[in-house]
Amino acid sequence: MEEVVAQNVVPAEVKGWNWGAFVFNIWWGIGNKTYLPLLCLVPLFNIVWIFVCGFKGNEWAWKSNDYPDVASFKRVQATWNRAGLVSFIVSVAAIILYLIFFAAILASLPDYF
């Protein structure tokens, strides 16, 4: 009985933001055997739920998997975190470049109005 209780207790080192759960929420959830991120498929609700996934992702992954210790958990999640953060930065940069390009096109149009 104590083994089940110990698995449900989330260590303080595990808690925190998870970029993998935030950016790759559905795939991250399937890969970590936690299916609450599938709620990101619900339109409009997903706008809020991606942030919940980022905040609660580590706790969900800890509870749903059988990690031997915190270090092995952190190794697995570090890969997800790196991939999520890089993807987020690339996406933001692409959006900014798109907006700059679009603004330049609009600025070069002649004034017909």
PDB file of N, CA and C in Angstrom:
ATOM      1  N   MET A   1       0.816  -1.193   0.000  1.00  0.00           N
ATOM      2  CA  MET A   1       0.000   0.000   0.000  1.00  0.00           C
ATOM      3  C   MET A   1       0.858   1.254   0.000  1.00  0.00           C
ATOM      4  N   GLU A   2       2.002   1.251   0.669  1.00  0.00           N
ATOM      5  CA  GLU A   2       2.865   2.427   0.734  1.00  0.00           C
ATOM      6  C   GLU A   2       3.496   2.736  -0.616  1.00  0.00           C
ATOM      7  N   GLU A   3       3.697   1.708  -1.447  1.00  0.00           N
ATOM      8  CA  GLU A   3       4.288   1.916  -2.756  1.00  0.00           C
ATOM      9  C   GLU A   3       3.393   2.785  -3.627  1.00  0.00           C
ATOM     10  N   VAL A   4       2.089   2.576  -3.565  1.00  0.00           N
ATOM     11  CA  VAL A   4       1.135   3.363  -4.336  1.00  0.00           C
ATOM     12  C   VAL A   4       1.111   4.799  -3.833  1.00  0.00           C
ATOM     13  N   VAL A   5       1.148   4.991  -2.544  1.00  0.00           N
ATOM     14  CA  VAL A   5       1.141   6.338  -1.975  1.00  0.00           C
ATOM     15  C   VAL A   5       2.408   7.080  -2.377  1.00  0.00           C
ATOM     16  N   ALA A   6       3.552   6.401  -2.363  1.00  0.00           N
ATOM     17  CA  ALA A   6       4.816   7.040  -2.703  1.00  0.00           C
ATOM     18  C   ALA A   6       4.832   7.496  -4.164  1.00  0.00           C
ATOM     19  N   GLN A   7       4.205   6.727  -5.048  1.00  0.00           N
ATOM     20  CA  GLN A   7       4.170   7.108  -6.459  1.00  0.00           C
ATOM     21  C   GLN A   7       3.278   8.330  -6.663  1.00  0.00           C
ATOM     22  N   ASN A   8       2.230   8.481  -5.866  1.00  0.00           N
ATOM     23  CA  ASN A   8       1.328   9.612  -6.007  1.00  0.00           C
ATOM     24  C   ASN A   8       1.874  10.881  -5.373  1.00  0.00           C
ATOM     25  N   VAL A   9       2.901  10.766  -4.540  1.00  0.00           N
ATOM     26  CA  VAL A   9       3.516  11.940  -3.938  1.00  0.00           C
ATOM     27  C   VAL A   9       4.508  12.517  -4.942  1.00  0.00           C
ATOM     28  N   VAL A  10       4.333  13.788  -5.262  1.00  0.00           N
ATOM     29  CA  VAL A  10       5.194  14.432  -6.248  1.00  0.00           C
ATOM     30  C   VAL A  10       6.304  15.180  -5.513  1.00  0.00           C
ATOM     31  N   PRO A  11       7.574  14.811  -5.744  1.00  0.00           N
ATOM     32  CA  PRO A  11       8.679  15.516  -5.089  1.00  0.00           C
ATOM     33  C   PRO A  11       8.744  16.980  -5.537  1.00  0.00           C
ATOM     34  N   ALA A  12       9.246  17.824  -4.681  1.00  0.00           N
ATOM     35  CA  ALA A  12       9.345  19.250  -4.987  1.00  0.00           C
ATOM     36  C   ALA A  12      10.250  19.509  -6.187  1.00  0.00           C
ATOM     37  N   GLU A  13      11.283  18.671  -6.387  1.00  0.00           N
ATOM     38  CA  GLU A  13      12.208  18.866  -7.504  1.00  0.00           C
ATOM     39  C   GLU A  13      11.544  18.636  -8.856  1.00  0.00           C
ATOM     40  N   VAL A  14      10.448  17.898  -8.859  1.00  0.00           N
ATOM     41  CA  VAL A  14       9.764  17.561 -10.102  1.00  0.00           C
ATOM     42  C   VAL A  14       8.865  18.707 -10.566  1.00  0.00           C
ATOM     43  N   LYS A  15       8.313  19.446  -9.628  1.00  0.00           N
ATOM     44  CA  LYS A  15       7.360  20.497  -9.973  1.00  0.00           C
ATOM     45  C   LYS A  15       8.046  21.624 -10.732  1.00  0.00           C
ATOM     46  N   GLY A  16       7.298  22.236 -11.644  1.00  0.00           N
ATOM     47  CA  GLY A  16       7.827  23.357 -12.407  1.00  0.00           C
ATOM     48  C   GLY A  16       7.303  23.354 -13.831  1.00  0.00           C
ATOM     49  N   TRP A  17       7.693  24.373 -14.568  1.00  0.00           N
ATOM     50  CA  TRP A  17       7.245  24.553 -15.945  1.00  0.00           C
ATOM     51  C   TRP A  17       7.877  23.518 -16.858  1.00  0.00           C
ATOM     52  N   ASN A  18       7.095  23.010 -17.811  1.00  0.00           N
ATOM     53  CA  ASN A  18       7.580  22.029 -18.767  1.00  0.00           C
ATOM     54  C   ASN A  18       7.281  22.528 -20.177  1.00  0.00           C
ATOM     55  N   TRP A  19       8.336  22.944 -20.896  1.00  0.00           N
ATOM     56  CA  TRP A  19       8.159  23.459 -22.252  1.00  0.00           C
ATOM     57  C   TRP A  19       7.659  22.384 -23.204  1.00  0.00           C
ATOM     58  N   GLY A  20       8.051  21.150 -22.984  1.00  0.00           N
ATOM     59  CA  GLY A  20       7.582  20.062 -23.836  1.00  0.00           C
ATOM     60  C   GLY A  20       6.083  19.865 -23.726  1.00  0.00           C
ATOM     61  N   ALA A  21       5.573  19.931 -22.512  1.00  0.00           N
ATOM     62  CA  ALA A  21       4.131  19.781 -22.302  1.00  0.00           C
ATOM     63  C   ALA A  21       3.373  20.991 -22.836  1.00  0.00           C
ATOM     64  N   PHE A  22       3.991  22.153 -22.814  1.00  0.00           N
ATOM     65  CA  PHE A  22       3.351  23.370 -23.308  1.00  0.00           C
ATOM     66  C   PHE A  22       3.273  23.379 -24.826  1.00  0.00           C
ATOM     67  N   VAL A  23       4.386  23.069 -25.494  1.00  0.00           N
ATOM     68  CA  VAL A  23       4.443  23.179 -26.951  1.00  0.00           C
ATOM     69  C   VAL A  23       3.925  21.924 -27.642  1.00  0.00           C
ATOM     70  N   PHE A  24       4.363  20.775 -27.196  1.00  0.00           N
ATOM     71  CA  PHE A  24       3.986  19.504 -27.830  1.00  0.00           C
ATOM     72  C   PHE A  24       2.936  18.772 -27.004  1.00  0.00           C
ATOM     73  N   ASN A  25       1.983  19.495 -26.464  1.00  0.00           N
ATOM     74  CA  ASN A  25       1.063  18.974 -25.455  1.00  0.00           C
ATOM     75  C   ASN A  25       0.458  17.610 -25.786  1.00  0.00           C
ATOM     76  N   ILE A  26      -0.104  17.419 -26.951  1.00  0.00           N
ATOM     77  CA  ILE A  26      -0.762  16.144 -27.271  1.00  0.00           C
ATOM     78  C   ILE A  26       0.272  15.028 -27.386  1.00  0.00           C
ATOM     79  N   TRP A  27       1.354  15.280 -28.130  1.00  0.00           N
ATOM     80  CA  TRP A  27       2.385  14.254 -28.322  1.00  0.00           C
ATOM     81  C   TRP A  27       3.126  13.971 -27.019  1.00  0.00           C
ATOM     82  N   TRP A  28       3.357  15.031 -26.251  1.00  0.00           N
ATOM     83  CA  TRP A  28       4.004  14.859 -24.951  1.00  0.00           C
ATOM     84  C   TRP A  28       3.137  13.990 -24.038  1.00  0.00           C
ATOM     85  N   GLY A  29       1.835  14.239 -24.036  1.00  0.00           N
ATOM     86  CA  GLY A  29       0.924  13.467 -23.196  1.00  0.00           C
ATOM     87  C   GLY A  29       0.903  11.994 -23.561  1.00  0.00           C
ATOM     88  N   ILE A  30       0.858  11.708 -24.855  1.00  0.00           N
ATOM     89  CA  ILE A  30       0.872  10.313 -25.294  1.00  0.00           C
ATOM     90  C   ILE A  30       2.204   9.658 -24.931  1.00  0.00           C
ATOM     91  N   GLY A  31       3.297  10.367 -25.147  1.00  0.00           N
ATOM     92  CA  GLY A  31       4.626   9.822 -24.841  1.00  0.00           C
ATOM     93  C   GLY A  31       4.864   9.586 -23.368  1.00  0.00           C
ATOM     94  N   ASN A  32       4.189  10.349 -22.523  1.00  0.00           N
ATOM     95  CA  ASN A  32       4.366  10.220 -21.080  1.00  0.00           C
ATOM     96  C   ASN A  32       3.209   9.493 -20.393  1.00  0.00           C
ATOM     97  N   LYS A  33       2.353   8.886 -21.187  1.00  0.00           N
ATOM     98  CA  LYS A  33       1.225   8.094 -20.684  1.00  0.00           C
ATOM     99  C   LYS A  33       0.302   8.892 -19.758  1.00  0.00           C
ATOM    100  N   THR A  34       0.128  10.163 -20.068  1.00  0.00           N
ATOM    101  CA  THR A  34      -0.824  10.994 -19.354  1.00  0.00           C
ATOM    102  C   THR A  34      -1.720  11.631 -20.413  1.00  0.00           C
ATOM    103  N   TYR A  35      -2.996  11.451 -20.270  1.00  0.00           N
ATOM    104  CA  TYR A  35      -3.894  11.772 -21.367  1.00  0.00           C
ATOM    105  C   TYR A  35      -4.723  13.036 -21.152  1.00  0.00           C
ATOM    106  N   LEU A  36      -4.499  13.761 -20.077  1.00  0.00           N
ATOM    107  CA  LEU A  36      -5.173  15.040 -19.888  1.00  0.00           C
ATOM    108  C   LEU A  36      -4.794  16.063 -20.962  1.00  0.00           C
ATOM    109  N   PRO A  37      -3.569  16.048 -21.506  1.00  0.00           N
ATOM    110  CA  PRO A  37      -3.252  16.985 -22.589  1.00  0.00           C
ATOM    111  C   PRO A  37      -4.086  16.779 -23.853  1.00  0.00           C
ATOM    112  N   LEU A  38      -4.762  15.651 -23.977  1.00  0.00           N
ATOM    113  CA  LEU A  38      -5.640  15.450 -25.132  1.00  0.00           C
ATOM    114  C   LEU A  38      -6.811  16.436 -25.122  1.00  0.00           C
ATOM    115  N   LEU A  39      -7.059  17.059 -23.975  1.00  0.00           N
ATOM    116  CA  LEU A  39      -8.097  18.088 -23.925  1.00  0.00           C
ATOM    117  C   LEU A  39      -7.713  19.320 -24.750  1.00  0.00           C
ATOM    118  N   CYS A  40      -6.472  19.389 -25.192  1.00  0.00           N
ATOM    119  CA  CYS A  40      -6.048  20.475 -26.083  1.00  0.00           C
ATOM    120  C   CYS A  40      -6.712  20.366 -27.452  1.00  0.00           C
ATOM    121  N   LEU A  41      -7.360  19.259 -27.726  1.00  0.00           N
ATOM    122  CA  LEU A  41      -8.092  19.100 -28.979  1.00  0.00           C
ATOM    123  C   LEU A  41      -9.439  19.819 -28.949  1.00  0.00           C
ATOM    124  N   VAL A  42      -9.884  20.276 -27.792  1.00  0.00           N
ATOM    125  CA  VAL A  42     -11.164  20.976 -27.665  1.00  0.00           C
ATOM    126  C   VAL A  42     -10.957  22.442 -28.062  1.00  0.00           C
ATOM    127  N   PRO A  43     -11.643  22.904 -29.104  1.00  0.00           N
ATOM    128  CA  PRO A  43     -11.463  24.290 -29.549  1.00  0.00           C
ATOM    129  C   PRO A  43     -11.801  25.299 -28.446  1.00  0.00           C
ATOM    130  N   LEU A  44     -11.086  26.389 -28.426  1.00  0.00           N
ATOM    131  CA  LEU A  44     -11.180  27.492 -27.475  1.00  0.00           C
ATOM    132  C   LEU A  44     -10.721  27.111 -26.070  1.00  0.00           C
ATOM    133  N   PHE A  45     -11.093  25.947 -25.601  1.00  0.00           N
ATOM    134  CA  PHE A  45     -10.625  25.470 -24.298  1.00  0.00           C
ATOM    135  C   PHE A  45      -9.115  25.262 -24.326  1.00  0.00           C
ATOM    136  N   ASN A  46      -8.599  24.901 -25.511  1.00  0.00           N
ATOM    137  CA  ASN A  46      -7.171  24.613 -25.628  1.00  0.00           C
ATOM    138  C   ASN A  46      -6.295  25.835 -25.379  1.00  0.00           C
ATOM    139  N   ILE A  47      -6.826  27.030 -25.570  1.00  0.00           N
ATOM    140  CA  ILE A  47      -6.039  28.243 -25.339  1.00  0.00           C
ATOM    141  C   ILE A  47      -5.600  28.318 -23.877  1.00  0.00           C
ATOM    142  N   VAL A  48      -6.483  27.942 -22.976  1.00  0.00           N
ATOM    143  CA  VAL A  48      -6.161  27.931 -21.551  1.00  0.00           C
ATOM    144  C   VAL A  48      -5.430  26.644 -21.180  1.00  0.00           C
ATOM    145  N   TRP A  49      -5.855  25.537 -21.764  1.00  0.00           N
ATOM    146  CA  TRP A  49      -5.350  24.228 -21.355  1.00  0.00           C
ATOM    147  C   TRP A  49      -3.870  24.034 -21.675  1.00  0.00           C
ATOM    148  N   ILE A  50      -3.338  24.670 -22.719  1.00  0.00           N
ATOM    149  CA  ILE A  50      -1.907  24.517 -23.005  1.00  0.00           C
ATOM    150  C   ILE A  50      -1.069  25.077 -21.860  1.00  0.00           C
ATOM    151  N   PHE A  51      -1.553  26.144 -21.216  1.00  0.00           N
ATOM    152  CA  PHE A  51      -0.828  26.695 -20.075  1.00  0.00           C
ATOM    153  C   PHE A  51      -0.929  25.772 -18.862  1.00  0.00           C
ATOM    154  N   VAL A  52      -2.086  25.137 -18.692  1.00  0.00           N
ATOM    155  CA  VAL A  52      -2.237  24.158 -17.612  1.00  0.00           C
ATOM    156  C   VAL A  52      -1.271  22.995 -17.846  1.00  0.00           C
ATOM    157  N   CYS A  53      -1.155  22.565 -19.094  1.00  0.00           N
ATOM    158  CA  CYS A  53      -0.210  21.481 -19.419  1.00  0.00           C
ATOM    159  C   CYS A  53       1.215  21.887 -19.085  1.00  0.00           C
ATOM    160  N   GLY A  54       1.580  23.119 -19.395  1.00  0.00           N
ATOM    161  CA  GLY A  54       2.923  23.590 -19.071  1.00  0.00           C
ATOM    162  C   GLY A  54       3.192  23.614 -17.585  1.00  0.00           C
ATOM    163  N   PHE A  55       2.199  24.043 -16.795  1.00  0.00           N
ATOM    164  CA  PHE A  55       2.377  24.134 -15.347  1.00  0.00           C
ATOM    165  C   PHE A  55       2.296  22.778 -14.647  1.00  0.00           C
ATOM    166  N   LYS A  56       1.367  21.935 -15.065  1.00  0.00           N
ATOM    167  CA  LYS A  56       1.122  20.671 -14.364  1.00  0.00           C
ATOM    168  C   LYS A  56       1.752  19.457 -15.034  1.00  0.00           C
ATOM    169  N   GLY A  57       2.386  19.637 -16.182  1.00  0.00           N
ATOM    170  CA  GLY A  57       2.904  18.521 -16.961  1.00  0.00           C
ATOM    171  C   GLY A  57       3.862  17.619 -16.209  1.00  0.00           C
ATOM    172  N   ASN A  58       4.817  18.207 -15.499  1.00  0.00           N
ATOM    173  CA  ASN A  58       5.779  17.389 -14.760  1.00  0.00           C
ATOM    174  C   ASN A  58       5.095  16.529 -13.708  1.00  0.00           C
ATOM    175  N   GLU A  59       4.124  17.095 -13.027  1.00  0.00           N
ATOM    176  CA  GLU A  59       3.414  16.324 -11.995  1.00  0.00           C
ATOM    177  C   GLU A  59       2.636  15.168 -12.616  1.00  0.00           C
ATOM    178  N   TRP A  60       1.959  15.424 -13.727  1.00  0.00           N
ATOM    179  CA  TRP A  60       1.214  14.358 -14.402  1.00  0.00           C
ATOM    180  C   TRP A  60       2.152  13.256 -14.877  1.00  0.00           C
ATOM    181  N   ALA A  61       3.289  13.644 -15.450  1.00  0.00           N
ATOM    182  CA  ALA A  61       4.244  12.645 -15.951  1.00  0.00           C
ATOM    183  C   ALA A  61       4.824  11.818 -14.807  1.00  0.00           C
ATOM    184  N   TRP A  62       5.113  12.451 -13.682  1.00  0.00           N
ATOM    185  CA  TRP A  62       5.656  11.723 -12.529  1.00  0.00           C
ATOM    186  C   TRP A  62       4.650  10.697 -12.028  1.00  0.00           C
ATOM    187  N   LYS A  63       3.383  11.084 -11.937  1.00  0.00           N
ATOM    188  CA  LYS A  63       2.358  10.183 -11.409  1.00  0.00           C
ATOM    189  C   LYS A  63       2.019   9.050 -12.370  1.00  0.00           C
ATOM    190  N   SER A  64       2.135   9.279 -13.670  1.00  0.00           N
ATOM    191  CA  SER A  64       1.688   8.264 -14.616  1.00  0.00           C
ATOM    192  C   SER A  64       2.798   7.294 -15.035  1.00  0.00           C
ATOM    193  N   ASN A  65       4.042   7.608 -14.751  1.00  0.00           N
ATOM    194  CA  ASN A  65       5.149   6.726 -15.126  1.00  0.00           C
ATOM    195  C   ASN A  65       5.804   6.157 -13.878  1.00  0.00           C
ATOM    196  N   ASP A  66       6.636   5.164 -14.080  1.00  0.00           N
ATOM    197  CA  ASP A  66       7.295   4.494 -12.967  1.00  0.00           C
ATOM    198  C   ASP A  66       8.786   4.805 -13.006  1.00  0.00           C
ATOM    199  N   TYR A  67       9.141   6.026 -12.660  1.00  0.00           N
ATOM    200  CA  TYR A  67      10.550   6.426 -12.657  1.00  0.00           C
ATOM    201  C   TYR A  67      11.225   5.941 -11.380  1.00  0.00           C
ATOM    202  N   PRO A  68      12.442   5.426 -11.497  1.00  0.00           N
ATOM    203  CA  PRO A  68      13.131   4.939 -10.291  1.00  0.00           C
ATOM    204  C   PRO A  68      13.567   6.060  -9.355  1.00  0.00           C
ATOM    205  N   ASP A  69      13.888   7.219  -9.930  1.00  0.00           N
ATOM    206  CA  ASP A  69      14.317   8.342  -9.095  1.00  0.00           C
ATOM    207  C   ASP A  69      14.090   9.657  -9.840  1.00  0.00           C
ATOM    208  N   VAL A  70      14.307  10.760  -9.156  1.00  0.00           N
ATOM    209  CA  VAL A  70      14.078  12.091  -9.719  1.00  0.00           C
ATOM    210  C   VAL A  70      15.085  12.385 -10.827  1.00  0.00           C
ATOM    211  N   ALA A  71      16.303  11.910 -10.691  1.00  0.00           N
ATOM    212  CA  ALA A  71      17.336  12.176 -11.701  1.00  0.00           C
ATOM    213  C   ALA A  71      16.959  11.581 -13.059  1.00  0.00           C
ATOM    214  N   SER A  72      16.457  10.372 -13.072  1.00  0.00           N
ATOM    215  CA  SER A  72      16.060   9.764 -14.350  1.00  0.00           C
ATOM    216  C   SER A  72      14.845  10.484 -14.930  1.00  0.00           C
ATOM    217  N   PHE A  73      13.943  10.918 -14.076  1.00  0.00           N
ATOM    218  CA  PHE A  73      12.795  11.702 -14.537  1.00  0.00           C
ATOM    219  C   PHE A  73      13.265  12.994 -15.195  1.00  0.00           C
ATOM    220  N   LYS A  74      14.195  13.682 -14.539  1.00  0.00           N
ATOM    221  CA  LYS A  74      14.688  14.953 -15.069  1.00  0.00           C
ATOM    222  C   LYS A  74      15.436  14.766 -16.386  1.00  0.00           C
ATOM    223  N   ARG A  75      16.136  13.651 -16.545  1.00  0.00           N
ATOM    224  CA  ARG A  75      16.831  13.376 -17.811  1.00  0.00           C
ATOM    225  C   ARG A  75      15.835  13.240 -18.956  1.00  0.00           C
ATOM    226  N   VAL A  76      14.767  12.505 -18.712  1.00  0.00           N
ATOM    227  CA  VAL A  76      13.750  12.311 -19.752  1.00  0.00           C
ATOM    228  C   VAL A  76      13.068  13.636 -20.086  1.00  0.00           C
ATOM    229  N   GLN A  77      12.681  14.379 -19.066  1.00  0.00           N
ATOM    230  CA  GLN A  77      11.955  15.626 -19.301  1.00  0.00           C
ATOM    231  C   GLN A  77      12.861  16.730 -19.847  1.00  0.00           C
ATOM    232  N   ALA A  78      14.162  16.648 -19.599  1.00  0.00           N
ATOM    233  CA  ALA A  78      15.084  17.647 -20.145  1.00  0.00           C
ATOM    234  C   ALA A  78      15.071  17.619 -21.668  1.00  0.00           C
ATOM    235  N   THR A  79      14.948  16.437 -22.247  1.00  0.00           N
ATOM    236  CA  THR A  79      14.863  16.325 -23.702  1.00  0.00           C
ATOM    237  C   THR A  79      13.597  16.999 -24.214  1.00  0.00           C
ATOM    238  N   TRP A  80      12.480  16.729 -23.566  1.00  0.00           N
ATOM    239  CA  TRP A  80      11.219  17.381 -23.945  1.00  0.00           C
ATOM    240  C   TRP A  80      11.314  18.901 -23.759  1.00  0.00           C
ATOM    241  N   ASN A  81      11.929  19.332 -22.666  1.00  0.00           N
ATOM    242  CA  ASN A  81      12.057  20.765 -22.403  1.00  0.00           C
ATOM    243  C   ASN A  81      12.889  21.465 -23.471  1.00  0.00           C
ATOM    244  N   ARG A  82      14.017  20.877 -23.833  1.00  0.00           N
ATOM    245  CA  ARG A  82      14.859  21.487 -24.874  1.00  0.00           C
ATOM    246  C   ARG A  82      14.115  21.582 -26.193  1.00  0.00           C
ATOM    247  N   ALA A  83      13.485  20.495 -26.598  1.00  0.00           N
ATOM    248  CA  ALA A  83      12.760  20.485 -27.870  1.00  0.00           C
ATOM    249  C   ALA A  83      11.615  21.499 -27.850  1.00  0.00           C
ATOM    250  N   GLY A  84      10.896  21.564 -26.744  1.00  0.00           N
ATOM    251  CA  GLY A  84       9.779  22.503 -26.643  1.00  0.00           C
ATOM    252  C   GLY A  84      10.239  23.947 -26.661  1.00  0.00           C
ATOM    253  N   LEU A  85      11.315  24.243 -25.945  1.00  0.00           N
ATOM    254  CA  LEU A  85      11.814  25.618 -25.895  1.00  0.00           C
ATOM    255  C   LEU A  85      12.351  26.052 -27.255  1.00  0.00           C
ATOM    256  N   VAL A  86      13.113  25.198 -27.913  1.00  0.00           N
ATOM    257  CA  VAL A  86      13.637  25.530 -29.247  1.00  0.00           C
ATOM    258  C   VAL A  86      12.482  25.742 -30.222  1.00  0.00           C
ATOM    259  N   SER A  87      11.500  24.880 -30.187  1.00  0.00           N
ATOM    260  CA  SER A  87      10.353  25.012 -31.070  1.00  0.00           C
ATOM    261  C   SER A  87       9.586  26.304 -30.798  1.00  0.00           C
ATOM    262  N   PHE A  88       9.433  26.653 -29.536  1.00  0.00           N
ATOM    263  CA  PHE A  88       8.738  27.889 -29.175  1.00  0.00           C
ATOM    264  C   PHE A  88       9.502  29.106 -29.696  1.00  0.00           C
ATOM    265  N   ILE A  89      10.813  29.132 -29.504  1.00  0.00           N
ATOM    266  CA  ILE A  89      11.629  30.262 -29.959  1.00  0.00           C
ATOM    267  C   ILE A  89      11.584  30.382 -31.485  1.00  0.00           C
ATOM    268  N   VAL A  90      11.708  29.267 -32.187  1.00  0.00           N
ATOM    269  CA  VAL A  90      11.650  29.288 -33.649  1.00  0.00           C
ATOM    270  C   VAL A  90      10.281  29.776 -34.124  1.00  0.00           C
ATOM    271  N   SER A  91       9.215  29.345 -33.474  1.00  0.00           N
ATOM    272  CA  SER A  91       7.866  29.777 -33.855  1.00  0.00           C
ATOM    273  C   SER A  91       7.674  31.271 -33.641  1.00  0.00           C
ATOM    274  N   VAL A  92       8.112  31.775 -32.510  1.00  0.00           N
ATOM    275  CA  VAL A  92       7.987  33.214 -32.231  1.00  0.00           C
ATOM    276  C   VAL A  92       8.813  34.016 -33.232  1.00  0.00           C
ATOM    277  N   ALA A  93      10.026  33.565 -33.531  1.00  0.00           N
ATOM    278  CA  ALA A  93      10.873  34.260 -34.501  1.00  0.00           C
ATOM    279  C   ALA A  93      10.235  34.256 -35.891  1.00  0.00           C
ATOM    280  N   ALA A  94       9.633  33.139 -36.279  1.00  0.00           N
ATOM    281  CA  ALA A  94       8.973  33.056 -37.588  1.00  0.00           C
ATOM    282  C   ALA A  94       7.784  34.010 -37.656  1.00  0.00           C
ATOM    283  N   ILE A  95       7.028  34.102 -36.589  1.00  0.00           N
ATOM    284  CA  ILE A  95       5.883  35.024 -36.567  1.00  0.00           C
ATOM    285  C   ILE A  95       6.360  36.473 -36.660  1.00  0.00           C
ATOM    286  N   ILE A  96       7.414  36.809 -35.928  1.00  0.00           N
ATOM    287  CA  ILE A  96       7.950  38.176 -35.981  1.00  0.00           C
ATOM    288  C   ILE A  96       8.467  38.493 -37.384  1.00  0.00           C
ATOM    289  N   LEU A  97       9.201  37.572 -37.994  1.00  0.00           N
ATOM    290  CA  LEU A  97       9.695  37.798 -39.356  1.00  0.00           C
ATOM    291  C   LEU A  97       8.545  37.936 -40.351  1.00  0.00           C
ATOM    292  N   TYR A  98       7.507  37.152 -40.184  1.00  0.00           N
ATOM    293  CA  TYR A  98       6.332  37.251 -41.045  1.00  0.00           C
ATOM    294  C   TYR A  98       5.681  38.620 -40.906  1.00  0.00           C
ATOM    295  N   LEU A  99       5.526  39.087 -39.679  1.00  0.00           N
ATOM    296  CA  LEU A  99       4.914  40.401 -39.463  1.00  0.00           C
ATOM    297  C   LEU A  99       5.768  41.524 -40.043  1.00  0.00           C
ATOM    298  N   ILE A 100       7.075  41.418 -39.903  1.00  0.00           N
ATOM    299  CA  ILE A 100       7.975  42.425 -40.497  1.00  0.00           C
ATOM    300  C   ILE A 100       7.859  42.405 -42.021  1.00  0.00           C
ATOM    301  N   PHE A 101       7.847  41.227 -42.599  1.00  0.00           N
ATOM    302  CA  PHE A 101       7.703  41.104 -44.046  1.00  0.00           C
ATOM    303  C   PHE A 101       6.375  41.678 -44.514  1.00  0.00           C
ATOM    304  N   PHE A 102       5.298  41.354 -43.827  1.00  0.00           N
ATOM    305  CA  PHE A 102       3.965  41.845 -44.176  1.00  0.00           C
ATOM    306  C   PHE A 102       3.898  43.364 -44.046  1.00  0.00           C
ATOM    307  N   ALA A 103       4.495  43.921 -42.999  1.00  0.00           N
ATOM    308  CA  ALA A 103       4.522  45.375 -42.811  1.00  0.00           C
ATOM    309  C   ALA A 103       5.328  46.045 -43.919  1.00  0.00           C
ATOM    310  N   ALA A 104       6.431  45.428 -44.353  1.00  0.00           N
ATOM    311  CA  ALA A 104       7.235  45.987 -45.435  1.00  0.00           C
ATOM    312  C   ALA A 104       6.467  45.985 -46.752  1.00  0.00           C
ATOM    313  N   ILE A 105       5.726  44.934 -47.007  1.00  0.00           N
ATOM    314  CA  ILE A 105       4.907  44.868 -48.222  1.00  0.00           C
ATOM    315  C   ILE A 105       3.840  45.960 -48.189  1.00  0.00           C
ATOM    316  N   LEU A 106       3.160  46.106 -47.063  1.00  0.00           N
ATOM    317  CA  LEU A 106       2.132  47.144 -46.945  1.00  0.00           C
ATOM    318  C   LEU A 106       2.727  48.544 -47.069  1.00  0.00           C
ATOM    319  N   ALA A 107       3.897  48.749 -46.528  1.00  0.00           N
ATOM    320  CA  ALA A 107       4.534  50.062 -46.592  1.00  0.00           C
ATOM    321  C   ALA A 107       4.964  50.398 -48.016  1.00  0.00           C
ATOM    322  N   SER A 108       5.243  49.402 -48.835  1.00  0.00           N
ATOM    323  CA  SER A 108       5.697  49.656 -50.204  1.00  0.00           C
ATOM    324  C   SER A 108       4.550  49.839 -51.186  1.00  0.00           C
ATOM    325  N   LEU A 109       3.327  49.571 -50.775  1.00  0.00           N
ATOM    326  CA  LEU A 109       2.178  49.767 -51.663  1.00  0.00           C
ATOM    327  C   LEU A 109       1.926  51.257 -51.873  1.00  0.00           C
ATOM    328  N   PRO A 110       1.543  51.636 -53.085  1.00  0.00           N
ATOM    329  CA  PRO A 110       1.235  53.053 -53.297  1.00  0.00           C
ATOM    330  C   PRO A 110      -0.078  53.439 -52.602  1.00  0.00           C
ATOM    331  N   ASP A 111      -0.227  54.698 -52.337  1.00  0.00           N
ATOM    332  CA  ASP A 111      -1.433  55.206 -51.661  1.00  0.00           C
ATOM    333  C   ASP A 111      -2.541  55.434 -52.708  1.00  0.00           C
ATOM    334  N   TYR A 112      -3.508  54.548 -52.715  1.00  0.00           N
ATOM    335  CA  TYR A 112      -4.648  54.696 -53.613  1.00  0.00           C
ATOM    336  C   TYR A 112      -5.870  55.213 -52.874  1.00  0.00           C
ATOM    337  N   PHE A 113      -5.822  55.252 -51.598  1.00  0.00           N
ATOM    338  CA  PHE A 113      -7.015  55.627 -50.837  1.00  0.00           C
ATOM    339  C   PHE A 113      -6.890  57.003 -50.340  1.00  0.00           C
TER     340      PHE A 113
END
